[in-house]
């Protein structure tokens, strides 16, 4: 008996890429129009291929904060800082790096008023 040639629908449009950024796959299909009993059909009904979209954004990544530094004065009001390092620089529109240095006020014991006080007394006395 004669085998009936495969009757196939045209290929569908390619699907969207399987990812929203970077490397993915896309597929297309076609259908068998003839009934399967009419003979074996070995044509492929699906195809896949790679697709590439713009690079995925890479967000900034930072280390943990360091310990706070010592107060920068030995008496009175001063400040101390802490820092963190950038581990990964942002790319392709990823989130920008936030601050890497913070400062805060600190206060050590009161400064003893020395020479300054004497000058003032001298002015008042005049």
N, C-alpha and C. Protein backbone atom coordinates (compact mmCIF):
# COMPACT_ATOMS: atom_id res chain seq x y z
N UNK A 1 0.85 -1.21 0.00
CA UNK A 1 0.00 0.00 0.00
C UNK A 1 0.87 1.24 0.00
N UNK A 2 0.40 2.24 -0.67
CA UNK A 2 1.18 3.47 -0.75
C UNK A 2 1.14 4.19 0.60
N UNK A 3 2.27 4.68 1.05
CA UNK A 3 2.24 5.51 2.26
C UNK A 3 1.89 6.92 1.83
N UNK A 4 1.04 7.50 2.62
CA UNK A 4 0.60 8.86 2.30
C UNK A 4 1.63 9.83 2.85
N UNK A 5 2.07 10.79 2.05
CA UNK A 5 3.08 11.72 2.56
C UNK A 5 2.54 12.52 3.75
N UNK A 6 3.47 12.92 4.61
CA UNK A 6 3.08 13.73 5.77
C UNK A 6 2.41 15.01 5.30
N UNK A 7 1.30 15.30 5.91
CA UNK A 7 0.69 16.60 5.68
C UNK A 7 0.92 17.42 6.94
N UNK A 8 1.69 18.49 6.81
CA UNK A 8 2.07 19.26 7.98
C UNK A 8 1.57 20.70 7.86
N UNK A 9 1.17 21.23 9.01
CA UNK A 9 0.80 22.66 9.01
C UNK A 9 2.09 23.47 8.89
N UNK A 10 1.99 24.73 8.52
CA UNK A 10 3.20 25.56 8.51
C UNK A 10 3.74 25.72 9.95
N UNK A 11 5.00 26.06 10.06
CA UNK A 11 5.58 26.33 11.38
C UNK A 11 4.86 27.52 12.03
N UNK A 12 4.68 27.43 13.32
CA UNK A 12 4.15 28.58 14.06
C UNK A 12 5.22 29.66 14.11
N UNK A 13 4.83 30.84 14.57
CA UNK A 13 5.83 31.87 14.85
C UNK A 13 6.75 31.36 15.97
N UNK A 14 7.97 31.88 16.03
CA UNK A 14 8.84 31.54 17.16
C UNK A 14 8.23 32.09 18.45
N UNK A 15 8.34 31.32 19.51
CA UNK A 15 7.85 31.79 20.81
C UNK A 15 8.74 32.95 21.27
N UNK A 16 8.29 33.65 22.32
CA UNK A 16 9.17 34.63 22.96
C UNK A 16 10.36 33.88 23.55
N UNK A 17 11.43 34.59 23.76
CA UNK A 17 12.60 34.00 24.41
C UNK A 17 12.18 33.58 25.82
N UNK A 18 12.76 32.48 26.32
CA UNK A 18 12.34 31.92 27.61
C UNK A 18 12.80 32.75 28.80
N UNK A 19 13.62 33.77 28.56
CA UNK A 19 14.10 34.62 29.65
C UNK A 19 13.77 36.07 29.32
N UNK A 20 13.84 36.95 30.32
CA UNK A 20 13.58 38.37 30.06
C UNK A 20 14.88 39.13 29.83
N UNK A 21 16.02 38.48 30.13
CA UNK A 21 17.32 39.08 29.86
C UNK A 21 18.34 37.95 29.78
N UNK A 22 19.43 38.20 29.05
CA UNK A 22 20.47 37.18 28.96
C UNK A 22 20.15 36.09 27.94
N UNK A 23 20.70 34.88 28.18
CA UNK A 23 20.57 33.78 27.21
C UNK A 23 19.39 32.88 27.53
N UNK A 24 18.62 32.54 26.50
CA UNK A 24 17.48 31.65 26.69
C UNK A 24 17.25 30.79 25.45
N UNK A 25 16.06 30.22 25.37
CA UNK A 25 15.67 29.38 24.24
C UNK A 25 14.32 29.86 23.74
N UNK A 26 14.09 29.61 22.44
CA UNK A 26 12.74 29.82 21.91
C UNK A 26 12.38 28.63 21.04
N UNK A 27 11.09 28.42 20.87
CA UNK A 27 10.63 27.22 20.17
C UNK A 27 9.56 27.59 19.15
N UNK A 28 9.34 26.67 18.22
CA UNK A 28 8.19 26.78 17.33
C UNK A 28 7.68 25.37 17.04
N UNK A 29 6.41 25.30 16.68
CA UNK A 29 5.77 24.01 16.46
C UNK A 29 5.06 23.98 15.12
N UNK A 30 4.81 22.76 14.67
CA UNK A 30 3.86 22.57 13.57
C UNK A 30 3.07 21.31 13.87
N UNK A 31 1.96 21.15 13.19
CA UNK A 31 1.08 20.02 13.48
C UNK A 31 0.95 19.11 12.29
N UNK A 32 0.66 17.88 12.63
CA UNK A 32 0.39 16.87 11.62
C UNK A 32 -1.04 17.06 11.18
N UNK A 33 -1.25 17.25 9.88
CA UNK A 33 -2.63 17.42 9.40
C UNK A 33 -3.24 16.07 9.05
N UNK A 34 -2.41 15.15 8.55
CA UNK A 34 -2.99 13.85 8.17
C UNK A 34 -3.15 12.98 9.42
N UNK A 35 -4.12 12.11 9.40
CA UNK A 35 -4.33 11.22 10.55
C UNK A 35 -3.15 10.27 10.65
N UNK A 36 -2.75 9.95 11.86
CA UNK A 36 -1.55 9.15 12.07
C UNK A 36 -1.67 7.75 11.45
N UNK A 37 -2.89 7.20 11.41
CA UNK A 37 -3.05 5.83 10.87
C UNK A 37 -2.57 5.74 9.43
N UNK A 38 -2.55 6.84 8.75
CA UNK A 38 -2.24 6.80 7.32
C UNK A 38 -0.75 6.57 7.06
N UNK A 39 0.02 6.31 8.09
CA UNK A 39 1.43 6.04 7.85
C UNK A 39 2.29 6.76 8.85
N UNK A 40 3.52 6.32 8.95
CA UNK A 40 4.43 6.93 9.92
C UNK A 40 4.91 8.26 9.37
N UNK A 41 4.99 9.21 10.26
CA UNK A 41 5.50 10.51 9.86
C UNK A 41 6.68 10.84 10.76
N UNK A 42 7.85 10.95 10.19
CA UNK A 42 9.04 11.17 11.01
C UNK A 42 9.53 12.62 10.99
N UNK A 43 8.73 13.50 10.44
CA UNK A 43 9.13 14.91 10.41
C UNK A 43 9.11 15.47 11.84
N UNK A 44 10.05 16.39 12.14
CA UNK A 44 10.01 16.97 13.49
C UNK A 44 8.86 17.96 13.60
N UNK A 45 8.24 17.96 14.77
CA UNK A 45 7.07 18.81 14.99
C UNK A 45 7.41 19.99 15.90
N UNK A 46 8.64 19.99 16.44
CA UNK A 46 9.05 21.11 17.27
C UNK A 46 10.51 21.42 16.99
N UNK A 47 10.84 22.70 16.99
CA UNK A 47 12.23 23.12 16.87
C UNK A 47 12.54 24.10 18.00
N UNK A 48 13.79 24.08 18.45
CA UNK A 48 14.23 25.01 19.49
C UNK A 48 15.52 25.66 19.03
N UNK A 49 15.71 26.88 19.43
CA UNK A 49 16.99 27.54 19.16
C UNK A 49 17.31 28.52 20.28
N UNK A 50 18.59 28.88 20.36
CA UNK A 50 19.01 29.82 21.40
C UNK A 50 18.56 31.23 21.03
N UNK A 51 18.31 32.03 22.05
CA UNK A 51 18.04 33.45 21.82
C UNK A 51 18.80 34.24 22.88
N UNK A 52 19.13 35.47 22.54
CA UNK A 52 19.93 36.30 23.44
C UNK A 52 19.27 37.65 23.57
N UNK A 53 18.95 38.02 24.79
CA UNK A 53 18.38 39.34 25.06
C UNK A 53 19.46 40.19 25.72
N UNK A 54 19.21 41.50 25.88
CA UNK A 54 20.24 42.33 26.52
C UNK A 54 20.65 41.73 27.87
N UNK A 55 21.89 42.01 28.26
CA UNK A 55 22.42 41.47 29.51
C UNK A 55 21.52 41.78 30.69
N UNK A 56 21.44 40.85 31.63
CA UNK A 56 20.66 41.07 32.84
C UNK A 56 21.36 42.11 33.70
N UNK A 57 20.58 43.00 34.36
CA UNK A 57 21.22 43.98 35.24
C UNK A 57 21.92 43.28 36.40
N UNK A 58 23.05 43.85 36.81
CA UNK A 58 23.78 43.33 37.97
C UNK A 58 23.74 44.43 39.02
N UNK A 59 23.16 44.12 40.17
CA UNK A 59 23.03 45.11 41.25
C UNK A 59 24.34 45.26 42.00
N UNK A 60 24.51 46.44 42.60
CA UNK A 60 25.67 46.68 43.46
C UNK A 60 25.62 45.72 44.64
N UNK A 61 26.78 45.20 45.03
CA UNK A 61 26.87 44.39 46.25
C UNK A 61 27.98 44.93 47.12
N UNK A 62 27.69 45.01 48.42
CA UNK A 62 28.63 45.61 49.37
C UNK A 62 29.00 44.61 50.46
N UNK A 63 30.16 44.84 51.08
CA UNK A 63 30.53 44.05 52.26
C UNK A 63 29.71 44.57 53.45
N UNK A 64 29.82 43.89 54.58
CA UNK A 64 29.22 44.39 55.82
C UNK A 64 29.96 45.66 56.26
N UNK A 65 29.29 46.46 57.11
CA UNK A 65 29.95 47.65 57.67
C UNK A 65 31.11 47.23 58.56
N UNK A 66 32.17 48.04 58.55
CA UNK A 66 33.27 47.84 59.51
C UNK A 66 32.78 48.23 60.90
N UNK A 67 33.61 47.98 61.90
CA UNK A 67 33.33 48.51 63.24
C UNK A 67 33.47 50.04 63.18
N UNK A 68 32.81 50.73 64.12
CA UNK A 68 33.00 52.18 64.19
C UNK A 68 34.44 52.47 64.61
N UNK A 69 35.02 53.52 64.03
CA UNK A 69 36.38 53.93 64.41
C UNK A 69 36.35 54.51 65.82
N UNK A 70 37.53 54.74 66.36
CA UNK A 70 37.63 55.48 67.62
C UNK A 70 37.15 56.91 67.38
N UNK A 71 36.72 57.56 68.44
CA UNK A 71 36.35 58.98 68.33
C UNK A 71 37.61 59.75 67.93
N UNK A 72 37.45 60.75 67.04
CA UNK A 72 38.65 61.41 66.52
C UNK A 72 39.15 62.54 67.42
N UNK A 73 38.58 62.69 68.61
CA UNK A 73 39.11 63.65 69.57
C UNK A 73 39.34 62.93 70.88
N UNK A 74 40.25 63.47 71.68
CA UNK A 74 40.51 62.83 72.97
C UNK A 74 39.63 63.41 74.07
N UNK A 75 39.02 64.58 73.79
CA UNK A 75 38.03 65.12 74.73
C UNK A 75 37.05 66.00 73.97
N UNK A 76 35.87 66.17 74.51
CA UNK A 76 34.86 66.99 73.85
C UNK A 76 34.16 66.27 72.72
N UNK A 77 33.54 67.05 71.85
CA UNK A 77 32.75 66.46 70.75
C UNK A 77 33.64 66.12 69.56
N UNK A 78 33.35 64.99 68.96
CA UNK A 78 34.09 64.60 67.77
C UNK A 78 33.20 63.75 66.89
N UNK A 79 33.79 62.98 66.01
CA UNK A 79 32.99 62.04 65.21
C UNK A 79 33.79 60.77 64.98
N UNK A 80 33.06 59.73 64.65
CA UNK A 80 33.70 58.48 64.28
C UNK A 80 33.05 58.01 62.98
N UNK A 81 33.76 57.19 62.24
CA UNK A 81 33.24 56.73 60.95
C UNK A 81 33.29 55.21 60.88
N UNK A 82 32.49 54.69 59.97
CA UNK A 82 32.61 53.28 59.61
C UNK A 82 32.49 53.19 58.09
N UNK A 83 33.03 52.15 57.52
CA UNK A 83 33.08 52.06 56.06
C UNK A 83 32.67 50.65 55.62
N UNK A 84 32.34 50.54 54.36
CA UNK A 84 32.13 49.23 53.74
C UNK A 84 32.66 49.29 52.32
N UNK A 85 32.97 48.13 51.77
CA UNK A 85 33.60 48.06 50.46
C UNK A 85 32.58 47.61 49.42
N UNK A 86 32.83 48.01 48.17
CA UNK A 86 32.00 47.53 47.06
C UNK A 86 32.55 46.18 46.61
N UNK A 87 31.71 45.14 46.68
CA UNK A 87 32.12 43.81 46.21
C UNK A 87 31.87 43.67 44.71
N UNK A 88 30.67 44.12 44.28
CA UNK A 88 30.30 44.02 42.86
C UNK A 88 29.78 45.37 42.38
N UNK A 89 30.44 45.92 41.38
CA UNK A 89 29.99 47.19 40.79
C UNK A 89 28.73 46.93 39.98
N UNK A 90 27.75 47.86 40.01
CA UNK A 90 26.54 47.64 39.21
C UNK A 90 26.84 47.70 37.72
N UNK A 91 26.12 46.92 36.94
CA UNK A 91 26.27 46.92 35.48
C UNK A 91 24.91 46.77 34.82
N UNK A 92 24.83 47.21 33.57
CA UNK A 92 23.64 47.03 32.74
C UNK A 92 22.38 47.53 33.44
N UNK A 93 22.48 48.67 34.11
CA UNK A 93 21.30 49.26 34.74
C UNK A 93 20.92 48.65 36.08
N UNK A 94 21.82 47.94 36.73
CA UNK A 94 21.55 47.41 38.07
C UNK A 94 21.49 48.52 39.10
N UNK A 95 21.01 48.22 40.32
CA UNK A 95 20.87 49.26 41.34
C UNK A 95 22.23 49.83 41.71
N UNK A 96 22.26 51.15 41.88
CA UNK A 96 23.50 51.86 42.19
C UNK A 96 23.95 51.52 43.62
N UNK A 97 25.23 51.78 43.88
CA UNK A 97 25.76 51.54 45.23
C UNK A 97 25.32 52.65 46.17
N UNK A 98 24.82 52.29 47.36
CA UNK A 98 24.54 53.31 48.36
C UNK A 98 25.84 53.78 49.01
N UNK A 99 25.73 54.63 50.03
CA UNK A 99 26.91 55.20 50.67
C UNK A 99 27.84 54.11 51.22
N UNK A 100 29.13 54.39 51.17
CA UNK A 100 30.10 53.44 51.69
C UNK A 100 30.80 53.98 52.94
N UNK A 101 30.48 55.22 53.31
CA UNK A 101 31.03 55.79 54.54
C UNK A 101 29.89 56.42 55.34
N UNK A 102 29.87 56.15 56.65
CA UNK A 102 28.90 56.82 57.53
C UNK A 102 29.68 57.47 58.66
N UNK A 103 29.20 58.63 59.10
CA UNK A 103 29.84 59.25 60.25
C UNK A 103 28.78 59.53 61.30
N UNK A 104 29.17 59.52 62.54
CA UNK A 104 28.25 59.81 63.63
C UNK A 104 29.00 60.59 64.69
N UNK A 105 28.25 61.36 65.48
CA UNK A 105 28.89 62.17 66.52
C UNK A 105 29.29 61.28 67.69
N UNK A 106 30.37 61.68 68.35
CA UNK A 106 30.74 60.99 69.59
C UNK A 106 31.21 62.06 70.56
N UNK A 107 31.17 61.72 71.82
CA UNK A 107 31.55 62.70 72.83
C UNK A 107 32.41 61.98 73.86
N UNK A 108 33.59 62.48 74.03
CA UNK A 108 34.48 61.91 75.04
C UNK A 108 34.38 62.84 76.26
N UNK A 109 35.00 62.47 77.37
CA UNK A 109 34.92 63.31 78.58
C UNK A 109 35.13 64.78 78.24
N UNK A 110 34.56 65.62 79.09
CA UNK A 110 34.70 67.07 78.86
C UNK A 110 36.15 67.48 78.81
N UNK A 111 36.45 68.44 77.95
CA UNK A 111 37.81 68.97 77.92
C UNK A 111 38.01 69.87 79.14
N UNK A 112 39.15 69.74 79.77
CA UNK A 112 39.46 70.62 80.91
C UNK A 112 39.82 71.97 80.34
N UNK A 113 39.17 73.01 80.87
CA UNK A 113 39.48 74.34 80.34
C UNK A 113 40.75 74.80 81.03
N UNK A 114 41.78 75.01 80.25
CA UNK A 114 43.06 75.42 80.83
C UNK A 114 43.33 76.86 80.53
N UNK A 115 44.27 77.10 79.69
CA UNK A 115 44.72 78.45 79.36
C UNK A 115 43.56 79.37 78.98
N UNK A 116 42.59 78.83 78.27
CA UNK A 116 41.47 79.64 77.83
C UNK A 116 40.78 80.35 78.97
N UNK A 117 40.53 79.65 80.08
CA UNK A 117 39.85 80.23 81.22
C UNK A 117 40.65 81.40 81.80
N UNK A 118 41.95 81.19 81.91
CA UNK A 118 42.78 82.24 82.50
C UNK A 118 42.70 83.52 81.68
N UNK A 119 42.72 83.39 80.35
CA UNK A 119 42.62 84.57 79.50
C UNK A 119 41.32 85.32 79.77
N UNK A 120 40.24 84.54 79.90
CA UNK A 120 38.94 85.17 80.08
C UNK A 120 38.94 85.94 81.41
N UNK A 121 39.45 85.31 82.45
CA UNK A 121 39.50 85.98 83.76
C UNK A 121 40.28 87.29 83.66
N UNK A 122 41.34 87.23 82.92
CA UNK A 122 42.21 88.40 82.81
C UNK A 122 41.43 89.53 82.13
N UNK A 123 40.64 89.16 81.05
CA UNK A 123 39.83 90.18 80.38
C UNK A 123 38.82 90.79 81.33
N UNK A 124 38.14 89.89 82.12
CA UNK A 124 37.10 90.40 83.01
C UNK A 124 37.69 91.33 84.07
N UNK A 125 38.88 91.01 84.50
CA UNK A 125 39.50 91.78 85.57
C UNK A 125 39.84 93.20 85.12
N UNK A 126 40.06 93.35 83.78
CA UNK A 126 40.50 94.68 83.36
C UNK A 126 39.44 95.74 83.48
